[in-house]
Amino acid sequence: MYKIKNLKTNYIGQKCFYYEQIDSTQKEIWRRVTNNKIDNGTIIVAKNQSFAIGTHGRNWYTEKANNIAFSIILFPDCNIDLLNNFTFEIAETLVNIFKDLYGIEIDIKLPNDLIIAEKKVGGILTETKLQGNKVKVLVIGIGINTNDKETSDEIKNISTSIKNEFNIKIDNYMVIGEFCNRLENKLIYRRIL
């Protein structure tokens, strides 16, 4: 297991599995759910994803090994109404983290994109498993292009990185730890955790 920096939570991120290479952190979470081999609040972090997924099953493009890529699992057992606007709140949390830690402004494009200079820098994917109107499983996937120096020709007109736009190096694991801290507080406030 991997230890996340600056972690001050009771649940989220206390178990973290790190992969040098994986198809998708999101897919790995769901595989572990299927096999009943994952605990509430577990995080899967990847250095490299070969088949990362975005909204509506689209591919999520990310360059080599310099970016944020992780998924978190929760077993909230709550009414689905408690998760209204939740993806947007996750985006707001990330925007605030980058502002607080690095003094940079990132915009949100609804429903789930993080934008700098009208180009996509990150995205959030939330997936649920329902039983009636109860959310039994919630998986949050986050990908952010932080430290890429180059963007492939295929997507350079629509995608960028924080490094390209602000010329600063992001401590990816500090950001992940701070996100875990703020997410747990948000879930406690919403009475989901």
N, C-alpha and C. Protein backbone atom coordinates (compact mmCIF):
# COMPACT_ATOMS: atom_id res chain seq x y z
N MET A 1 0.84 -1.20 0.00
CA MET A 1 0.00 0.00 0.00
C MET A 1 0.88 1.25 0.00
N TYR A 2 0.29 2.32 -0.48
CA TYR A 2 1.00 3.59 -0.65
C TYR A 2 0.50 4.58 0.40
N LYS A 3 1.37 5.40 0.93
CA LYS A 3 0.99 6.41 1.92
C LYS A 3 0.86 7.77 1.24
N ILE A 4 -0.32 8.37 1.34
CA ILE A 4 -0.58 9.67 0.72
C ILE A 4 -0.06 10.79 1.61
N LYS A 5 0.53 11.80 0.99
CA LYS A 5 1.07 12.95 1.73
C LYS A 5 -0.03 13.76 2.39
N ASN A 6 0.27 14.29 3.59
CA ASN A 6 -0.58 15.30 4.22
C ASN A 6 -1.99 14.81 4.52
N LEU A 7 -2.15 13.49 4.70
CA LEU A 7 -3.48 12.93 4.90
C LEU A 7 -3.93 13.11 6.34
N LYS A 8 -5.15 13.67 6.51
CA LYS A 8 -5.70 13.91 7.85
C LYS A 8 -7.10 13.33 7.97
N THR A 9 -7.34 12.24 7.27
CA THR A 9 -8.68 11.66 7.23
C THR A 9 -8.78 10.45 8.16
N ASN A 10 -10.02 10.04 8.38
CA ASN A 10 -10.27 8.79 9.10
C ASN A 10 -10.52 7.63 8.14
N TYR A 11 -11.03 7.94 6.95
CA TYR A 11 -11.41 6.89 6.00
C TYR A 11 -10.76 7.07 4.63
N ILE A 12 -11.02 8.19 4.01
CA ILE A 12 -10.64 8.37 2.61
C ILE A 12 -9.13 8.43 2.46
N GLY A 13 -8.62 7.51 1.66
CA GLY A 13 -7.19 7.46 1.37
C GLY A 13 -6.36 6.70 2.39
N GLN A 14 -6.98 6.22 3.45
CA GLN A 14 -6.21 5.46 4.43
C GLN A 14 -5.69 4.16 3.81
N LYS A 15 -6.42 3.65 2.83
CA LYS A 15 -5.92 2.55 2.01
C LYS A 15 -5.73 3.09 0.60
N CYS A 16 -4.51 3.00 0.11
CA CYS A 16 -4.19 3.53 -1.21
C CYS A 16 -3.29 2.54 -1.93
N PHE A 17 -3.68 2.15 -3.13
CA PHE A 17 -2.90 1.23 -3.95
C PHE A 17 -2.36 1.99 -5.15
N TYR A 18 -1.06 1.88 -5.32
CA TYR A 18 -0.36 2.62 -6.37
C TYR A 18 0.09 1.67 -7.48
N TYR A 19 -0.15 2.07 -8.72
CA TYR A 19 0.26 1.28 -9.87
C TYR A 19 1.16 2.12 -10.77
N GLU A 20 2.28 1.55 -11.15
CA GLU A 20 3.11 2.19 -12.16
C GLU A 20 2.36 2.26 -13.49
N GLN A 21 1.67 1.16 -13.81
CA GLN A 21 0.94 1.05 -15.08
C GLN A 21 -0.35 0.28 -14.84
N ILE A 22 -1.44 0.80 -15.36
CA ILE A 22 -2.74 0.11 -15.25
C ILE A 22 -3.60 0.55 -16.41
N ASP A 23 -4.61 -0.25 -16.74
CA ASP A 23 -5.50 0.19 -17.82
C ASP A 23 -6.27 1.43 -17.40
N SER A 24 -6.89 1.39 -16.20
CA SER A 24 -7.71 2.50 -15.72
C SER A 24 -7.93 2.35 -14.23
N THR A 25 -7.73 3.42 -13.49
CA THR A 25 -7.99 3.37 -12.04
C THR A 25 -9.48 3.10 -11.79
N GLN A 26 -10.33 3.67 -12.62
CA GLN A 26 -11.77 3.48 -12.48
C GLN A 26 -12.15 2.01 -12.68
N LYS A 27 -11.58 1.41 -13.73
CA LYS A 27 -11.87 -0.01 -14.00
C LYS A 27 -11.35 -0.91 -12.88
N GLU A 28 -10.19 -0.57 -12.33
CA GLU A 28 -9.63 -1.37 -11.24
C GLU A 28 -10.52 -1.32 -10.01
N ILE A 29 -11.07 -0.16 -9.71
CA ILE A 29 -12.02 -0.06 -8.58
C ILE A 29 -13.19 -1.00 -8.81
N TRP A 30 -13.79 -0.94 -10.00
CA TRP A 30 -14.97 -1.77 -10.27
C TRP A 30 -14.64 -3.27 -10.25
N ARG A 31 -13.42 -3.63 -10.68
CA ARG A 31 -13.01 -5.04 -10.60
C ARG A 31 -12.97 -5.48 -9.14
N ARG A 32 -12.42 -4.60 -8.28
CA ARG A 32 -12.34 -4.95 -6.86
C ARG A 32 -13.72 -4.99 -6.21
N VAL A 33 -14.64 -4.14 -6.66
CA VAL A 33 -16.03 -4.20 -6.16
C VAL A 33 -16.65 -5.55 -6.52
N THR A 34 -16.47 -5.95 -7.76
CA THR A 34 -17.02 -7.23 -8.23
C THR A 34 -16.50 -8.39 -7.39
N ASN A 35 -15.23 -8.32 -7.01
CA ASN A 35 -14.63 -9.41 -6.23
C ASN A 35 -14.73 -9.21 -4.72
N ASN A 36 -15.47 -8.17 -4.29
CA ASN A 36 -15.62 -7.86 -2.86
C ASN A 36 -14.27 -7.72 -2.16
N LYS A 37 -13.32 -7.06 -2.83
CA LYS A 37 -11.98 -6.91 -2.27
C LYS A 37 -11.56 -5.45 -2.20
N ILE A 38 -12.44 -4.63 -1.65
CA ILE A 38 -12.10 -3.21 -1.52
C ILE A 38 -12.88 -2.60 -0.37
N ASP A 39 -12.23 -1.71 0.37
CA ASP A 39 -12.84 -1.08 1.54
C ASP A 39 -13.28 0.35 1.22
N ASN A 40 -14.24 0.81 2.00
CA ASN A 40 -14.75 2.17 1.88
C ASN A 40 -13.60 3.18 1.97
N GLY A 41 -13.56 4.12 1.02
CA GLY A 41 -12.55 5.16 1.05
C GLY A 41 -11.23 4.80 0.40
N THR A 42 -11.13 3.60 -0.15
CA THR A 42 -9.88 3.18 -0.81
C THR A 42 -9.63 4.00 -2.06
N ILE A 43 -8.35 4.29 -2.32
CA ILE A 43 -7.95 5.02 -3.52
C ILE A 43 -7.03 4.15 -4.36
N ILE A 44 -7.25 4.21 -5.66
CA ILE A 44 -6.33 3.61 -6.63
C ILE A 44 -5.66 4.76 -7.37
N VAL A 45 -4.33 4.82 -7.31
CA VAL A 45 -3.55 5.87 -7.97
C VAL A 45 -2.69 5.22 -9.05
N ALA A 46 -2.56 5.88 -10.19
CA ALA A 46 -1.73 5.34 -11.27
C ALA A 46 -0.74 6.37 -11.77
N LYS A 47 0.46 5.89 -12.04
CA LYS A 47 1.46 6.73 -12.70
C LYS A 47 1.13 6.84 -14.19
N ASN A 48 0.68 5.73 -14.75
CA ASN A 48 0.33 5.66 -16.16
C ASN A 48 -0.95 4.86 -16.34
N GLN A 49 -1.86 5.36 -17.17
CA GLN A 49 -3.07 4.61 -17.53
C GLN A 49 -3.08 4.39 -19.05
N SER A 50 -3.31 3.15 -19.44
CA SER A 50 -3.30 2.84 -20.87
C SER A 50 -4.67 3.01 -21.52
N PHE A 51 -5.74 2.83 -20.73
CA PHE A 51 -7.09 2.96 -21.28
C PHE A 51 -7.98 3.72 -20.31
N ALA A 52 -7.54 4.92 -19.93
CA ALA A 52 -8.33 5.73 -19.00
C ALA A 52 -9.65 6.12 -19.64
N ILE A 53 -10.68 6.24 -18.81
CA ILE A 53 -12.00 6.57 -19.34
C ILE A 53 -12.50 7.89 -18.80
N GLY A 54 -13.27 8.55 -19.64
CA GLY A 54 -13.90 9.81 -19.25
C GLY A 54 -15.41 9.65 -19.30
N THR A 55 -16.11 10.75 -19.32
CA THR A 55 -17.57 10.75 -19.35
C THR A 55 -18.08 10.05 -20.60
N HIS A 56 -19.20 9.34 -20.45
CA HIS A 56 -19.87 8.62 -21.54
C HIS A 56 -18.94 7.61 -22.21
N GLY A 57 -17.99 7.06 -21.43
CA GLY A 57 -17.10 6.03 -21.94
C GLY A 57 -16.03 6.51 -22.89
N ARG A 58 -15.90 7.84 -23.03
CA ARG A 58 -14.85 8.37 -23.92
C ARG A 58 -13.48 8.09 -23.33
N ASN A 59 -12.45 8.09 -24.19
CA ASN A 59 -11.08 7.96 -23.72
C ASN A 59 -10.67 9.25 -23.03
N TRP A 60 -9.85 9.10 -21.97
CA TRP A 60 -9.24 10.26 -21.34
C TRP A 60 -7.77 10.23 -21.71
N TYR A 61 -7.34 11.24 -22.43
CA TYR A 61 -5.96 11.29 -22.90
C TYR A 61 -5.09 11.94 -21.84
N THR A 62 -3.98 11.29 -21.54
CA THR A 62 -3.01 11.88 -20.63
C THR A 62 -1.62 11.47 -21.08
N GLU A 63 -0.68 12.36 -20.88
CA GLU A 63 0.70 12.05 -21.29
C GLU A 63 1.37 11.21 -20.20
N LYS A 64 2.64 10.95 -20.37
CA LYS A 64 3.34 9.98 -19.53
C LYS A 64 3.62 10.49 -18.12
N ALA A 65 3.10 9.82 -17.15
CA ALA A 65 3.66 9.77 -15.79
C ALA A 65 3.81 11.05 -15.00
N ASN A 66 3.34 12.17 -15.50
CA ASN A 66 3.54 13.42 -14.77
C ASN A 66 2.25 14.01 -14.21
N ASN A 67 1.17 13.27 -14.31
CA ASN A 67 -0.14 13.85 -14.04
C ASN A 67 -0.85 13.19 -12.88
N ILE A 68 -2.00 13.75 -12.54
CA ILE A 68 -2.84 13.18 -11.49
C ILE A 68 -3.84 12.23 -12.13
N ALA A 69 -3.87 11.00 -11.62
CA ALA A 69 -4.84 10.01 -12.08
C ALA A 69 -5.19 9.10 -10.91
N PHE A 70 -6.41 9.23 -10.41
CA PHE A 70 -6.81 8.38 -9.28
C PHE A 70 -8.32 8.22 -9.24
N SER A 71 -8.74 7.18 -8.54
CA SER A 71 -10.17 6.93 -8.30
C SER A 71 -10.36 6.57 -6.84
N ILE A 72 -11.52 6.96 -6.32
CA ILE A 72 -11.88 6.71 -4.91
C ILE A 72 -13.21 5.96 -4.90
N ILE A 73 -13.32 4.99 -3.99
CA ILE A 73 -14.60 4.29 -3.83
C ILE A 73 -15.23 4.64 -2.49
N LEU A 74 -16.55 4.82 -2.53
CA LEU A 74 -17.33 5.04 -1.32
C LEU A 74 -18.55 4.12 -1.35
N PHE A 75 -18.97 3.69 -0.18
CA PHE A 75 -20.20 2.91 -0.03
C PHE A 75 -21.16 3.74 0.82
N PRO A 76 -21.80 4.75 0.21
CA PRO A 76 -22.54 5.73 1.01
C PRO A 76 -23.88 5.24 1.57
N ASP A 77 -24.56 4.32 0.88
CA ASP A 77 -25.88 3.84 1.30
C ASP A 77 -26.80 5.02 1.63
N CYS A 78 -26.85 5.98 0.70
CA CYS A 78 -27.65 7.18 0.92
C CYS A 78 -28.63 7.37 -0.23
N ASN A 79 -29.64 8.19 0.03
CA ASN A 79 -30.59 8.53 -1.04
C ASN A 79 -29.86 9.29 -2.13
N ILE A 80 -30.21 8.99 -3.37
CA ILE A 80 -29.52 9.62 -4.51
C ILE A 80 -29.63 11.14 -4.50
N ASP A 81 -30.70 11.66 -3.89
CA ASP A 81 -30.88 13.12 -3.83
C ASP A 81 -29.75 13.82 -3.06
N LEU A 82 -29.11 13.11 -2.13
CA LEU A 82 -28.02 13.70 -1.37
C LEU A 82 -26.79 13.97 -2.24
N LEU A 83 -26.77 13.39 -3.45
CA LEU A 83 -25.62 13.58 -4.34
C LEU A 83 -25.91 14.58 -5.47
N ASN A 84 -27.02 15.31 -5.36
CA ASN A 84 -27.29 16.35 -6.36
C ASN A 84 -26.13 17.34 -6.42
N ASN A 85 -25.69 17.67 -7.62
CA ASN A 85 -24.60 18.63 -7.86
C ASN A 85 -23.25 18.18 -7.29
N PHE A 86 -23.12 16.91 -6.97
CA PHE A 86 -21.91 16.43 -6.31
C PHE A 86 -20.67 16.53 -7.21
N THR A 87 -20.83 16.20 -8.49
CA THR A 87 -19.68 16.30 -9.41
C THR A 87 -19.19 17.73 -9.50
N PHE A 88 -20.12 18.68 -9.56
CA PHE A 88 -19.73 20.09 -9.59
C PHE A 88 -19.00 20.49 -8.31
N GLU A 89 -19.47 20.00 -7.17
CA GLU A 89 -18.81 20.31 -5.90
C GLU A 89 -17.39 19.74 -5.86
N ILE A 90 -17.20 18.57 -6.45
CA ILE A 90 -15.86 18.00 -6.55
C ILE A 90 -14.97 18.93 -7.38
N ALA A 91 -15.51 19.39 -8.51
CA ALA A 91 -14.76 20.32 -9.37
C ALA A 91 -14.40 21.59 -8.59
N GLU A 92 -15.35 22.13 -7.85
CA GLU A 92 -15.09 23.33 -7.04
C GLU A 92 -13.99 23.08 -6.01
N THR A 93 -14.03 21.91 -5.40
CA THR A 93 -13.01 21.56 -4.41
C THR A 93 -11.63 21.55 -5.05
N LEU A 94 -11.51 20.96 -6.23
CA LEU A 94 -10.22 20.92 -6.93
C LEU A 94 -9.75 22.32 -7.31
N VAL A 95 -10.66 23.13 -7.82
CA VAL A 95 -10.31 24.51 -8.18
C VAL A 95 -9.78 25.26 -6.96
N ASN A 96 -10.44 25.09 -5.83
CA ASN A 96 -10.02 25.77 -4.60
C ASN A 96 -8.66 25.27 -4.10
N ILE A 97 -8.40 23.98 -4.27
CA ILE A 97 -7.11 23.44 -3.86
C ILE A 97 -5.98 24.08 -4.66
N PHE A 98 -6.14 24.15 -5.97
CA PHE A 98 -5.09 24.74 -6.80
C PHE A 98 -4.92 26.25 -6.51
N LYS A 99 -6.02 26.90 -6.20
CA LYS A 99 -5.93 28.32 -5.84
C LYS A 99 -5.21 28.49 -4.51
N ASP A 100 -5.58 27.67 -3.52
CA ASP A 100 -4.99 27.78 -2.18
C ASP A 100 -3.52 27.37 -2.15
N LEU A 101 -3.16 26.28 -2.84
CA LEU A 101 -1.79 25.77 -2.78
C LEU A 101 -0.85 26.47 -3.76
N TYR A 102 -1.37 26.90 -4.91
CA TYR A 102 -0.49 27.41 -5.97
C TYR A 102 -0.87 28.80 -6.48
N GLY A 103 -1.98 29.34 -6.01
CA GLY A 103 -2.38 30.68 -6.41
C GLY A 103 -2.79 30.79 -7.87
N ILE A 104 -3.28 29.69 -8.45
CA ILE A 104 -3.68 29.70 -9.86
C ILE A 104 -5.19 29.55 -10.00
N GLU A 105 -5.70 30.09 -11.08
CA GLU A 105 -7.15 30.05 -11.36
C GLU A 105 -7.44 28.99 -12.42
N ILE A 106 -8.35 28.10 -12.08
CA ILE A 106 -8.85 27.11 -13.02
C ILE A 106 -10.36 27.28 -13.09
N ASP A 107 -10.92 27.19 -14.29
CA ASP A 107 -12.35 27.34 -14.47
C ASP A 107 -13.03 25.98 -14.55
N ILE A 108 -14.34 26.00 -14.36
CA ILE A 108 -15.15 24.78 -14.47
C ILE A 108 -16.08 24.92 -15.66
N LYS A 109 -16.08 23.92 -16.50
CA LYS A 109 -17.05 23.83 -17.59
C LYS A 109 -18.00 22.70 -17.24
N LEU A 110 -19.26 23.05 -17.06
CA LEU A 110 -20.24 22.03 -16.66
C LEU A 110 -20.36 20.95 -17.72
N PRO A 111 -20.56 19.70 -17.29
CA PRO A 111 -20.78 19.31 -15.89
C PRO A 111 -19.51 18.91 -15.13
N ASN A 112 -18.41 18.61 -15.85
CA ASN A 112 -17.32 17.94 -15.12
C ASN A 112 -15.91 18.24 -15.64
N ASP A 113 -15.72 19.32 -16.36
CA ASP A 113 -14.40 19.61 -16.92
C ASP A 113 -13.71 20.74 -16.18
N LEU A 114 -12.39 20.63 -16.05
CA LEU A 114 -11.56 21.71 -15.53
C LEU A 114 -10.85 22.35 -16.72
N ILE A 115 -10.90 23.68 -16.77
CA ILE A 115 -10.49 24.41 -17.97
C ILE A 115 -9.49 25.51 -17.61
N ILE A 116 -8.46 25.66 -18.45
CA ILE A 116 -7.56 26.81 -18.39
C ILE A 116 -7.44 27.35 -19.81
N ALA A 117 -7.64 28.65 -19.96
CA ALA A 117 -7.51 29.31 -21.27
C ALA A 117 -8.35 28.59 -22.34
N GLU A 118 -9.54 28.22 -21.95
CA GLU A 118 -10.51 27.56 -22.84
C GLU A 118 -10.06 26.19 -23.34
N LYS A 119 -9.08 25.60 -22.65
CA LYS A 119 -8.64 24.24 -22.99
C LYS A 119 -8.81 23.34 -21.76
N LYS A 120 -9.11 22.08 -22.03
CA LYS A 120 -9.35 21.14 -20.93
C LYS A 120 -8.03 20.75 -20.27
N VAL A 121 -8.03 20.84 -18.94
CA VAL A 121 -6.86 20.43 -18.17
C VAL A 121 -7.18 19.25 -17.26
N GLY A 122 -8.46 18.98 -17.05
CA GLY A 122 -8.82 17.88 -16.18
C GLY A 122 -10.29 17.54 -16.29
N GLY A 123 -10.62 16.39 -15.71
CA GLY A 123 -12.01 15.96 -15.71
C GLY A 123 -12.32 15.09 -14.52
N ILE A 124 -13.62 15.00 -14.23
CA ILE A 124 -14.12 14.23 -13.10
C ILE A 124 -15.17 13.26 -13.63
N LEU A 125 -15.06 12.02 -13.23
CA LEU A 125 -16.04 11.01 -13.61
C LEU A 125 -16.63 10.40 -12.35
N THR A 126 -17.94 10.56 -12.15
CA THR A 126 -18.60 9.92 -11.01
C THR A 126 -19.52 8.84 -11.55
N GLU A 127 -19.41 7.66 -10.97
CA GLU A 127 -20.25 6.52 -11.36
C GLU A 127 -20.87 5.94 -10.11
N THR A 128 -22.10 5.46 -10.25
CA THR A 128 -22.82 4.92 -9.10
C THR A 128 -23.41 3.56 -9.42
N LYS A 129 -23.65 2.82 -8.35
CA LYS A 129 -24.45 1.59 -8.42
C LYS A 129 -25.61 1.80 -7.47
N LEU A 130 -26.81 1.72 -8.02
CA LEU A 130 -28.02 2.01 -7.25
C LEU A 130 -28.79 0.76 -6.89
N GLN A 131 -29.51 0.86 -5.79
CA GLN A 131 -30.51 -0.14 -5.43
C GLN A 131 -31.76 0.66 -5.08
N GLY A 132 -32.70 0.68 -6.02
CA GLY A 132 -33.84 1.60 -5.88
C GLY A 132 -33.32 3.03 -5.99
N ASN A 133 -33.65 3.85 -4.99
CA ASN A 133 -33.14 5.23 -5.00
C ASN A 133 -31.96 5.41 -4.04
N LYS A 134 -31.38 4.29 -3.60
CA LYS A 134 -30.23 4.33 -2.70
C LYS A 134 -28.93 4.13 -3.48
N VAL A 135 -27.95 4.97 -3.20
CA VAL A 135 -26.63 4.82 -3.80
C VAL A 135 -25.84 3.86 -2.92
N LYS A 136 -25.55 2.69 -3.47
CA LYS A 136 -24.80 1.67 -2.74
C LYS A 136 -23.30 1.82 -2.97
N VAL A 137 -22.92 2.19 -4.20
CA VAL A 137 -21.51 2.36 -4.54
C VAL A 137 -21.36 3.68 -5.29
N LEU A 138 -20.35 4.45 -4.91
CA LEU A 138 -20.01 5.69 -5.61
C LEU A 138 -18.52 5.65 -5.91
N VAL A 139 -18.18 5.80 -7.19
CA VAL A 139 -16.78 5.82 -7.59
C VAL A 139 -16.48 7.17 -8.24
N ILE A 140 -15.47 7.84 -7.72
CA ILE A 140 -15.06 9.16 -8.22
C ILE A 140 -13.70 9.01 -8.89
N GLY A 141 -13.65 9.33 -10.17
CA GLY A 141 -12.39 9.29 -10.90
C GLY A 141 -11.95 10.69 -11.27
N ILE A 142 -10.67 10.98 -11.07
CA ILE A 142 -10.15 12.32 -11.35
C ILE A 142 -8.86 12.20 -12.16
N GLY A 143 -8.82 12.95 -13.24
CA GLY A 143 -7.61 13.05 -14.05
C GLY A 143 -7.30 14.51 -14.30
N ILE A 144 -6.07 14.93 -14.01
CA ILE A 144 -5.66 16.32 -14.22
C ILE A 144 -4.28 16.33 -14.85
N ASN A 145 -4.15 17.04 -15.95
CA ASN A 145 -2.86 17.21 -16.61
C ASN A 145 -2.10 18.30 -15.86
N THR A 146 -1.18 17.88 -15.04
CA THR A 146 -0.47 18.83 -14.19
C THR A 146 0.90 19.21 -14.75
N ASN A 147 1.77 18.23 -14.95
CA ASN A 147 3.17 18.53 -15.24
C ASN A 147 3.62 18.17 -16.65
N ASP A 148 2.69 17.90 -17.55
CA ASP A 148 3.07 17.65 -18.95
C ASP A 148 3.79 18.86 -19.52
N LYS A 149 4.84 18.61 -20.28
CA LYS A 149 5.53 19.71 -20.97
C LYS A 149 5.04 19.84 -22.41
N GLU A 150 4.56 18.72 -22.95
CA GLU A 150 4.09 18.74 -24.33
C GLU A 150 2.74 18.05 -24.41
N THR A 151 1.90 18.55 -25.28
CA THR A 151 0.61 17.93 -25.54
C THR A 151 0.65 17.38 -26.95
N SER A 152 0.12 16.18 -27.14
CA SER A 152 0.19 15.56 -28.46
C SER A 152 -0.56 16.39 -29.49
N ASP A 153 -0.11 16.32 -30.72
CA ASP A 153 -0.71 17.09 -31.81
C ASP A 153 -2.20 16.81 -31.94
N GLU A 154 -2.59 15.58 -31.63
CA GLU A 154 -3.98 15.16 -31.77
C GLU A 154 -4.95 16.00 -30.93
N ILE A 155 -4.47 16.45 -29.77
CA ILE A 155 -5.39 17.15 -28.86
C ILE A 155 -4.90 18.51 -28.40
N LYS A 156 -3.80 19.02 -28.97
CA LYS A 156 -3.21 20.26 -28.44
C LYS A 156 -4.12 21.47 -28.59
N ASN A 157 -5.08 21.43 -29.50
CA ASN A 157 -6.00 22.55 -29.66
C ASN A 157 -7.11 22.58 -28.62
N ILE A 158 -7.31 21.44 -27.93
CA ILE A 158 -8.41 21.37 -26.96
C ILE A 158 -7.94 21.03 -25.55
N SER A 159 -6.67 20.67 -25.40
CA SER A 159 -6.17 20.22 -24.10
C SER A 159 -4.86 20.92 -23.76
N THR A 160 -4.60 21.06 -22.45
CA THR A 160 -3.37 21.69 -22.00
C THR A 160 -2.97 21.10 -20.65
N SER A 161 -1.95 21.66 -20.03
CA SER A 161 -1.54 21.24 -18.69
C SER A 161 -1.26 22.48 -17.85
N ILE A 162 -1.26 22.28 -16.55
CA ILE A 162 -0.94 23.39 -15.64
C ILE A 162 0.50 23.87 -15.89
N LYS A 163 1.41 22.94 -16.12
CA LYS A 163 2.80 23.30 -16.41
C LYS A 163 2.89 24.20 -17.64
N ASN A 164 2.17 23.83 -18.70
CA ASN A 164 2.20 24.63 -19.93
C ASN A 164 1.65 26.04 -19.71
N GLU A 165 0.62 26.15 -18.90
CA GLU A 165 -0.06 27.44 -18.75
C GLU A 165 0.59 28.34 -17.71
N PHE A 166 1.13 27.75 -16.64
CA PHE A 166 1.64 28.58 -15.53
C PHE A 166 3.13 28.39 -15.25
N ASN A 167 3.75 27.43 -15.92
CA ASN A 167 5.18 27.14 -15.74
C ASN A 167 5.54 26.88 -14.28
N ILE A 168 4.70 26.09 -13.60
CA ILE A 168 5.00 25.67 -12.24
C ILE A 168 4.89 24.15 -12.16
N LYS A 169 5.62 23.56 -11.23
CA LYS A 169 5.56 22.11 -11.02
C LYS A 169 4.59 21.83 -9.88
N ILE A 170 3.67 20.92 -10.13
CA ILE A 170 2.67 20.55 -9.14
C ILE A 170 3.12 19.29 -8.41
N ASP A 171 2.98 19.29 -7.08
CA ASP A 171 3.19 18.08 -6.29
C ASP A 171 1.88 17.30 -6.32
N ASN A 172 1.81 16.33 -7.22
CA ASN A 172 0.56 15.59 -7.45
C ASN A 172 0.03 14.94 -6.17
N TYR A 173 0.92 14.37 -5.37
CA TYR A 173 0.46 13.62 -4.21
C TYR A 173 0.05 14.53 -3.07
N MET A 174 0.58 15.74 -3.03
CA MET A 174 0.10 16.73 -2.08
C MET A 174 -1.33 17.14 -2.44
N VAL A 175 -1.59 17.32 -3.73
CA VAL A 175 -2.94 17.67 -4.19
C VAL A 175 -3.91 16.54 -3.87
N ILE A 176 -3.51 15.30 -4.12
CA ILE A 176 -4.40 14.16 -3.83
C ILE A 176 -4.71 14.10 -2.34
N GLY A 177 -3.71 14.28 -1.50
CA GLY A 177 -3.94 14.26 -0.05
C GLY A 177 -4.87 15.36 0.40
N GLU A 178 -4.68 16.56 -0.12
CA GLU A 178 -5.55 17.68 0.25
C GLU A 178 -6.97 17.43 -0.25
N PHE A 179 -7.10 16.83 -1.43
CA PHE A 179 -8.43 16.50 -1.93
C PHE A 179 -9.12 15.51 -1.00
N CYS A 180 -8.41 14.48 -0.56
CA CYS A 180 -9.00 13.50 0.37
C CYS A 180 -9.49 14.18 1.64
N ASN A 181 -8.67 15.07 2.18
CA ASN A 181 -9.05 15.78 3.42
C ASN A 181 -10.34 16.57 3.22
N ARG A 182 -10.40 17.32 2.14
CA ARG A 182 -11.57 18.17 1.91
C ARG A 182 -12.79 17.36 1.53
N LEU A 183 -12.59 16.28 0.78
CA LEU A 183 -13.72 15.43 0.40
C LEU A 183 -14.34 14.79 1.64
N GLU A 184 -13.52 14.28 2.54
CA GLU A 184 -14.08 13.65 3.74
C GLU A 184 -14.88 14.66 4.55
N ASN A 185 -14.37 15.87 4.70
CA ASN A 185 -15.13 16.90 5.43
C ASN A 185 -16.46 17.20 4.74
N LYS A 186 -16.43 17.26 3.42
CA LYS A 186 -17.66 17.53 2.66
C LYS A 186 -18.68 16.41 2.84
N LEU A 187 -18.21 15.17 2.83
CA LEU A 187 -19.12 14.02 2.99
C LEU A 187 -19.70 13.96 4.39
N ILE A 188 -18.88 14.31 5.39
CA ILE A 188 -19.39 14.35 6.76
C ILE A 188 -20.46 15.43 6.89
N TYR A 189 -20.19 16.60 6.30
CA TYR A 189 -21.15 17.71 6.33
C TYR A 189 -22.46 17.31 5.67
N ARG A 190 -22.38 16.58 4.58
CA ARG A 190 -23.58 16.15 3.85
C ARG A 190 -24.24 14.92 4.52
N ARG A 191 -23.62 14.39 5.55
CA ARG A 191 -24.09 13.19 6.25
C ARG A 191 -24.14 11.98 5.34
N ILE A 192 -23.12 11.88 4.49
CA ILE A 192 -22.99 10.73 3.59
C ILE A 192 -21.97 9.74 4.14
N LEU A 193 -21.02 10.23 4.92
CA LEU A 193 -19.96 9.36 5.45
C LEU A 193 -20.15 9.15 6.94
